C-alpha atoms as a PDB file:
ATOM      1  CA  UNK A   1      -2.479  22.087 -15.371  1.00  0.00           C
ATOM      2  CA  UNK A   2       1.192  22.883 -15.356  1.00  0.00           C
ATOM      3  CA  UNK A   3       2.394  22.526 -19.108  1.00  0.00           C
ATOM      4  CA  UNK A   4       5.329  19.910 -19.355  1.00  0.00           C
ATOM      5  CA  UNK A   5       7.447  22.703 -19.856  1.00  0.00           C
ATOM      6  CA  UNK A   6       7.655  25.063 -17.230  1.00  0.00           C
ATOM      7  CA  UNK A   7      11.337  26.203 -17.671  1.00  0.00           C
ATOM      8  CA  UNK A   8      10.344  27.301 -20.800  1.00  0.00           C
ATOM      9  CA  UNK A   9       7.248  29.819 -20.204  1.00  0.00           C
ATOM     10  CA  UNK A  10       7.910  33.016 -21.091  1.00  0.00           C
ATOM     11  CA  UNK A  11       6.630  34.800 -17.514  1.00  0.00           C
ATOM     12  CA  UNK A  12       7.058  32.562 -14.713  1.00  0.00           C
ATOM     13  CA  UNK A  13       3.344  31.312 -12.968  1.00  0.00           C
ATOM     14  CA  UNK A  14       3.078  32.762  -9.383  1.00  0.00           C
ATOM     15  CA  UNK A  15       2.809  30.548  -6.688  1.00  0.00           C
ATOM     16  CA  UNK A  16      -1.042  31.196  -6.322  1.00  0.00           C
ATOM     17  CA  UNK A  17      -1.899  30.868 -10.198  1.00  0.00           C
ATOM     18  CA  UNK A  18      -0.315  27.535 -10.304  1.00  0.00           C
ATOM     19  CA  UNK A  19      -2.692  26.192  -7.216  1.00  0.00           C
ATOM     20  CA  UNK A  20      -5.125  27.591  -8.733  1.00  0.00           C
ATOM     21  CA  UNK A  21      -4.804  25.655 -12.299  1.00  0.00           C
ATOM     22  CA  UNK A  22      -3.618  22.694 -10.197  1.00  0.00           C
ATOM     23  CA  UNK A  23      -6.853  22.622  -8.449  1.00  0.00           C
ATOM     24  CA  UNK A  24      -8.822  24.045 -11.277  1.00  0.00           C
ATOM     25  CA  UNK A  25     -10.843  21.343 -12.275  1.00  0.00           C
ATOM     26  CA  UNK A  26     -13.061  20.989  -9.346  1.00  0.00           C
ATOM     27  CA  UNK A  27     -17.060  21.305  -9.527  1.00  0.00           C
ATOM     28  CA  UNK A  28     -17.664  24.648  -8.406  1.00  0.00           C
ATOM     29  CA  UNK A  29     -21.145  24.798  -5.963  1.00  0.00           C
ATOM     30  CA  UNK A  30     -21.942  21.345  -6.449  1.00  0.00           C
ATOM     31  CA  UNK A  31     -21.611  19.305  -2.694  1.00  0.00           C
ATOM     32  CA  UNK A  32     -21.923  15.672  -4.203  1.00  0.00           C
ATOM     33  CA  UNK A  33     -19.631  12.890  -2.949  1.00  0.00           C
ATOM     34  CA  UNK A  34     -16.566  12.532  -5.558  1.00  0.00           C
ATOM     35  CA  UNK A  35     -16.281   9.387  -6.887  1.00  0.00           C
ATOM     36  CA  UNK A  36     -13.089   6.983  -6.725  1.00  0.00           C
ATOM     37  CA  UNK A  37     -11.588   8.896  -9.685  1.00  0.00           C
ATOM     38  CA  UNK A  38     -12.334  12.004  -8.632  1.00  0.00           C
ATOM     39  CA  UNK A  39     -10.926  11.252  -5.163  1.00  0.00           C
ATOM     40  CA  UNK A  40      -7.988   9.987  -6.135  1.00  0.00           C
ATOM     41  CA  UNK A  41      -7.391  12.721  -8.579  1.00  0.00           C
ATOM     42  CA  UNK A  42      -8.148  15.547  -5.958  1.00  0.00           C
ATOM     43  CA  UNK A  43      -5.529  13.539  -3.855  1.00  0.00           C
ATOM     44  CA  UNK A  44      -3.054  13.685  -6.517  1.00  0.00           C
ATOM     45  CA  UNK A  45      -3.770  17.172  -6.961  1.00  0.00           C
ATOM     46  CA  UNK A  46      -2.927  18.239  -3.344  1.00  0.00           C
ATOM     47  CA  UNK A  47      -0.029  15.821  -3.115  1.00  0.00           C
ATOM     48  CA  UNK A  48       1.367  17.787  -6.409  1.00  0.00           C
ATOM     49  CA  UNK A  49       1.380  21.122  -4.639  1.00  0.00           C
ATOM     50  CA  UNK A  50       2.221  19.489  -1.338  1.00  0.00           C
ATOM     51  CA  UNK A  51       5.603  18.576  -2.655  1.00  0.00           C
ATOM     52  CA  UNK A  52       6.177  21.802  -4.935  1.00  0.00           C
ATOM     53  CA  UNK A  53       9.635  23.123  -4.131  1.00  0.00           C
ATOM     54  CA  UNK A  54      10.605  19.698  -2.268  1.00  0.00           C
ATOM     55  CA  UNK A  55      11.200  17.294  -5.723  1.00  0.00           C
ATOM     56  CA  UNK A  56      12.749  18.590  -9.054  1.00  0.00           C
ATOM     57  CA  UNK A  57      10.021  19.694 -11.849  1.00  0.00           C
ATOM     58  CA  UNK A  58      10.913  17.038 -13.984  1.00  0.00           C
ATOM     59  CA  UNK A  59      10.436  14.809 -10.948  1.00  0.00           C
ATOM     60  CA  UNK A  60       6.578  16.480 -10.388  1.00  0.00           C
ATOM     61  CA  UNK A  61       5.691  16.545 -13.863  1.00  0.00           C
ATOM     62  CA  UNK A  62       6.505  12.557 -14.165  1.00  0.00           C
ATOM     63  CA  UNK A  63       4.505  11.327 -10.906  1.00  0.00           C
ATOM     64  CA  UNK A  64       1.578  13.232 -12.160  1.00  0.00           C
ATOM     65  CA  UNK A  65       1.625  11.882 -15.833  1.00  0.00           C
ATOM     66  CA  UNK A  66       2.332   8.514 -14.478  1.00  0.00           C
ATOM     67  CA  UNK A  67      -0.009   8.291 -11.718  1.00  0.00           C
ATOM     68  CA  UNK A  68      -2.148   9.926 -14.195  1.00  0.00           C
ATOM     69  CA  UNK A  69      -2.181   7.327 -16.272  1.00  0.00           C
ATOM     70  CA  UNK A  70      -2.957   4.879 -13.408  1.00  0.00           C
ATOM     71  CA  UNK A  71      -5.755   6.383 -11.750  1.00  0.00           C
ATOM     72  CA  UNK A  72      -7.184   5.918 -15.491  1.00  0.00           C
ATOM     73  CA  UNK A  73      -6.247   2.435 -15.278  1.00  0.00           C
ATOM     74  CA  UNK A  74      -8.181   2.161 -11.879  1.00  0.00           C
ATOM     75  CA  UNK A  75     -11.285   3.863 -13.117  1.00  0.00           C
ATOM     76  CA  UNK A  76     -11.487   1.180 -16.204  1.00  0.00           C
ATOM     77  CA  UNK A  77     -11.579  -1.158 -13.713  1.00  0.00           C
ATOM     78  CA  UNK A  78     -14.128   0.848 -11.214  1.00  0.00           C
ATOM     79  CA  UNK A  79     -11.573   0.344  -8.531  1.00  0.00           C
ATOM     80  CA  UNK A  80      -9.627   2.729  -5.893  1.00  0.00           C
ATOM     81  CA  UNK A  81      -6.309   4.349  -6.872  1.00  0.00           C
ATOM     82  CA  UNK A  82      -5.842   5.596  -3.629  1.00  0.00           C
ATOM     83  CA  UNK A  83      -5.169   3.048  -1.712  1.00  0.00           C
ATOM     84  CA  UNK A  84      -4.411   0.643  -4.672  1.00  0.00           C
ATOM     85  CA  UNK A  85      -4.472  -2.424  -3.592  1.00  0.00           C
ATOM     86  CA  UNK A  86      -1.462  -5.157  -4.889  1.00  0.00           C
ATOM     87  CA  UNK A  87      -3.046  -7.209  -6.930  1.00  0.00           C
ATOM     88  CA  UNK A  88      -4.224  -4.200  -8.851  1.00  0.00           C
ATOM     89  CA  UNK A  89      -0.595  -2.829  -9.239  1.00  0.00           C
ATOM     90  CA  UNK A  90       0.471  -6.242 -10.855  1.00  0.00           C
ATOM     91  CA  UNK A  91      -2.345  -5.947 -13.477  1.00  0.00           C
ATOM     92  CA  UNK A  92      -1.105  -2.627 -13.814  1.00  0.00           C
ATOM     93  CA  UNK A  93       2.914  -3.519 -14.858  1.00  0.00           C
ATOM     94  CA  UNK A  94       1.544  -6.472 -16.841  1.00  0.00           C
ATOM     95  CA  UNK A  95      -0.395  -3.506 -19.038  1.00  0.00           C
ATOM     96  CA  UNK A  96       2.646  -1.780 -19.381  1.00  0.00           C
ATOM     97  CA  UNK A  97       4.759  -5.000 -20.252  1.00  0.00           C
ATOM     98  CA  UNK A  98       2.155  -5.140 -22.756  1.00  0.00           C
ATOM     99  CA  UNK A  99       2.940  -1.776 -24.029  1.00  0.00           C
ATOM    100  CA  UNK A 100       5.965  -0.351 -25.873  1.00  0.00           C
ATOM    101  CA  UNK A 101       7.314   1.564 -22.555  1.00  0.00           C
ATOM    102  CA  UNK A 102      10.844   0.538 -21.539  1.00  0.00           C
ATOM    103  CA  UNK A 103      11.631  -1.865 -17.940  1.00  0.00           C
ATOM    104  CA  UNK A 104      13.183   1.966 -16.805  1.00  0.00           C
ATOM    105  CA  UNK A 105      10.027   3.419 -17.527  1.00  0.00           C
ATOM    106  CA  UNK A 106       7.946   0.468 -15.938  1.00  0.00           C
ATOM    107  CA  UNK A 107      10.257   1.155 -12.788  1.00  0.00           C
ATOM    108  CA  UNK A 108      10.160   4.859 -12.568  1.00  0.00           C
ATOM    109  CA  UNK A 109       5.928   4.407 -12.786  1.00  0.00           C
ATOM    110  CA  UNK A 110       6.690   2.109 -10.230  1.00  0.00           C
ATOM    111  CA  UNK A 111       8.361   4.786  -7.668  1.00  0.00           C
ATOM    112  CA  UNK A 112       6.293   7.362  -8.304  1.00  0.00           C
ATOM    113  CA  UNK A 113       3.013   5.328  -7.202  1.00  0.00           C
ATOM    114  CA  UNK A 114       4.906   4.052  -4.519  1.00  0.00           C
ATOM    115  CA  UNK A 115       6.184   7.583  -3.322  1.00  0.00           C
ATOM    116  CA  UNK A 116       2.870   8.878  -3.861  1.00  0.00           C
ATOM    117  CA  UNK A 117       1.355   6.366  -2.065  1.00  0.00           C
ATOM    118  CA  UNK A 118       4.012   6.951   1.257  1.00  0.00           C
ATOM    119  CA  UNK A 119       3.335  10.926   0.843  1.00  0.00           C
ATOM    120  CA  UNK A 120      -0.538  10.575   1.544  1.00  0.00           C
ATOM    121  CA  UNK A 121       0.381   7.949   4.980  1.00  0.00           C
ATOM    122  CA  UNK A 122      -1.008   4.807   2.557  1.00  0.00           C
ATOM    123  CA  UNK A 123       0.479   1.787   2.648  1.00  0.00           C
ATOM    124  CA  UNK A 124       2.973   1.359  -0.082  1.00  0.00           C
ATOM    125  CA  UNK A 125       1.084  -1.624  -2.108  1.00  0.00           C
ATOM    126  CA  UNK A 126       4.631  -1.983  -4.640  1.00  0.00           C
ATOM    127  CA  UNK A 127       6.385  -3.723  -1.379  1.00  0.00           C
ATOM    128  CA  UNK A 128       3.746  -6.596  -2.200  1.00  0.00           C
ATOM    129  CA  UNK A 129       5.524  -9.726  -3.285  1.00  0.00           C
ATOM    130  CA  UNK A 130       3.235 -10.324  -5.848  1.00  0.00           C
ATOM    131  CA  UNK A 131       4.511  -6.990  -7.099  1.00  0.00           C
ATOM    132  CA  UNK A 132       7.833  -8.061  -6.785  1.00  0.00           C
ATOM    133  CA  UNK A 133       7.514 -11.230  -8.472  1.00  0.00           C
ATOM    134  CA  UNK A 134       5.407  -9.332 -11.484  1.00  0.00           C
ATOM    135  CA  UNK A 135       8.425  -6.902 -11.263  1.00  0.00           C
ATOM    136  CA  UNK A 136      11.004  -9.738 -11.665  1.00  0.00           C
ATOM    137  CA  UNK A 137       8.634 -11.363 -14.540  1.00  0.00           C
ATOM    138  CA  UNK A 138       8.638  -7.522 -16.524  1.00  0.00           C
ATOM    139  CA  UNK A 139      12.197  -7.362 -15.822  1.00  0.00           C
ATOM    140  CA  UNK A 140      13.252 -11.266 -17.555  1.00  0.00           C
ATOM    141  CA  UNK A 141      10.807 -10.388 -20.701  1.00  0.00           C
ATOM    142  CA  UNK A 142      11.782  -6.728 -21.479  1.00  0.00           C
ATOM    143  CA  UNK A 143      15.380  -6.419 -20.347  1.00  0.00           C
ATOM    144  CA  UNK A 144      16.756  -4.944 -17.576  1.00  0.00           C
ATOM    145  CA  UNK A 145      19.623  -2.607 -18.664  1.00  0.00           C
ATOM    146  CA  UNK A 146      19.589  -0.001 -21.815  1.00  0.00           C
ATOM    147  CA  UNK A 147      22.687  -0.481 -24.537  1.00  0.00           C
ATOM    148  CA  UNK A 148      25.455   1.251 -23.746  1.00  0.00           C
ATOM    149  CA  UNK A 149      26.555   3.642 -26.300  1.00  0.00           C
ATOM    150  CA  UNK A 150      29.640   2.966 -28.716  1.00  0.00           C
ATOM    151  CA  UNK A 151      32.755   4.133 -27.694  1.00  0.00           C
ATOM    152  CA  UNK A 152      34.473   6.465 -29.777  1.00  0.00           C
ATOM    153  CA  UNK A 153      37.716   5.029 -31.414  1.00  0.00           C
ATOM    154  CA  UNK A 154      40.516   6.917 -33.833  1.00  0.00           C
ATOM    155  CA  UNK A 155      38.259   6.386 -37.066  1.00  0.00           C
ATOM    156  CA  UNK A 156      35.074   7.935 -35.749  1.00  0.00           C
ATOM    157  CA  UNK A 157      36.602  10.785 -33.991  1.00  0.00           C
ATOM    158  CA  UNK A 158      38.649  11.685 -37.752  1.00  0.00           C
ATOM    159  CA  UNK A 159      34.512  11.138 -39.403  1.00  0.00           C
ATOM    160  CA  UNK A 160      33.234  13.703 -36.935  1.00  0.00           C
ATOM    161  CA  UNK A 161      36.424  16.073 -37.248  1.00  0.00           C
ATOM    162  CA  UNK A 162      35.919  16.005 -41.321  1.00  0.00           C
ATOM    163  CA  UNK A 163      32.365  16.838 -40.386  1.00  0.00           C
ATOM    164  CA  UNK A 164      32.708  20.240 -39.152  1.00  0.00           C
ATOM    165  CA  UNK A 165      33.336  23.296 -41.204  1.00  0.00           C
ATOM    166  CA  UNK A 166      35.553  26.122 -41.115  1.00  0.00           C
ATOM    167  CA  UNK A 167      33.132  28.710 -39.269  1.00  0.00           C
ATOM    168  CA  UNK A 168      33.425  29.609 -35.483  1.00  0.00           C
ATOM    169  CA  UNK A 169      31.350  26.557 -34.647  1.00  0.00           C
ATOM    170  CA  UNK A 170      33.252  24.390 -36.748  1.00  0.00           C
ATOM    171  CA  UNK A 171      36.499  25.580 -35.176  1.00  0.00           C
ATOM    172  CA  UNK A 172      35.244  25.288 -31.454  1.00  0.00           C
ATOM    173  CA  UNK A 173      33.836  21.888 -32.667  1.00  0.00           C
ATOM    174  CA  UNK A 174      36.659  20.741 -33.591  1.00  0.00           C
ATOM    175  CA  UNK A 175      39.328  22.077 -30.331  1.00  0.00           C
ATOM    176  CA  UNK A 176      36.472  20.167 -28.089  1.00  0.00           C
ATOM    177  CA  UNK A 177      36.379  17.050 -30.254  1.00  0.00           C
ATOM    178  CA  UNK A 178      40.323  17.241 -30.205  1.00  0.00           C
ATOM    179  CA  UNK A 179      40.745  18.024 -26.540  1.00  0.00           C
ATOM    180  CA  UNK A 180      38.296  15.728 -25.399  1.00  0.00           C
ATOM    181  CA  UNK A 181      40.422  12.988 -27.063  1.00  0.00           C
ATOM    182  CA  UNK A 182      43.616  13.649 -25.984  1.00  0.00           C
ATOM    183  CA  UNK A 183      44.779  15.183 -28.787  1.00  0.00           C
ATOM    184  CA  UNK A 184      45.081  19.320 -28.065  1.00  0.00           C
ATOM    185  CA  UNK A 185      45.089  21.941 -31.319  1.00  0.00           C
END
């Protein structure tokens, strides 16, 4: 499989090698029917190959990670991940709400579920009214927004300027801070 830091590789992988890594976990030589878990994993891998180049690498990594997590969730319940039933998605949201994930992370996971279903031409279970209600419960429990970063006032700017040294980087940092906050050097 692709590693999390695709852009940090010393040598870029060819599309052929990348495709082989994505689908290389299949059992060769066995013609047995795939289990629901295996079928969902295979569909996910095929979908990732299909969307490669159309989506940003970070989006593809997020879709893969979130949907793989959902596949394991479904496997533990002996249920189909593709296509998923809305009540299963509701249970998944409940589990994510009880974990340490933020509401933005849960929303991202749901967007990934929706996208993978749409890309495989399945009905979108995330549009079900029960899923919408559970998302509202999740937002009431966890909150919807992240906290705003604090502002930089004159006292904070002075502390930042004092923290710089006399090296070339320190001079650059001081210049950037002064230009950014309206006091050119």
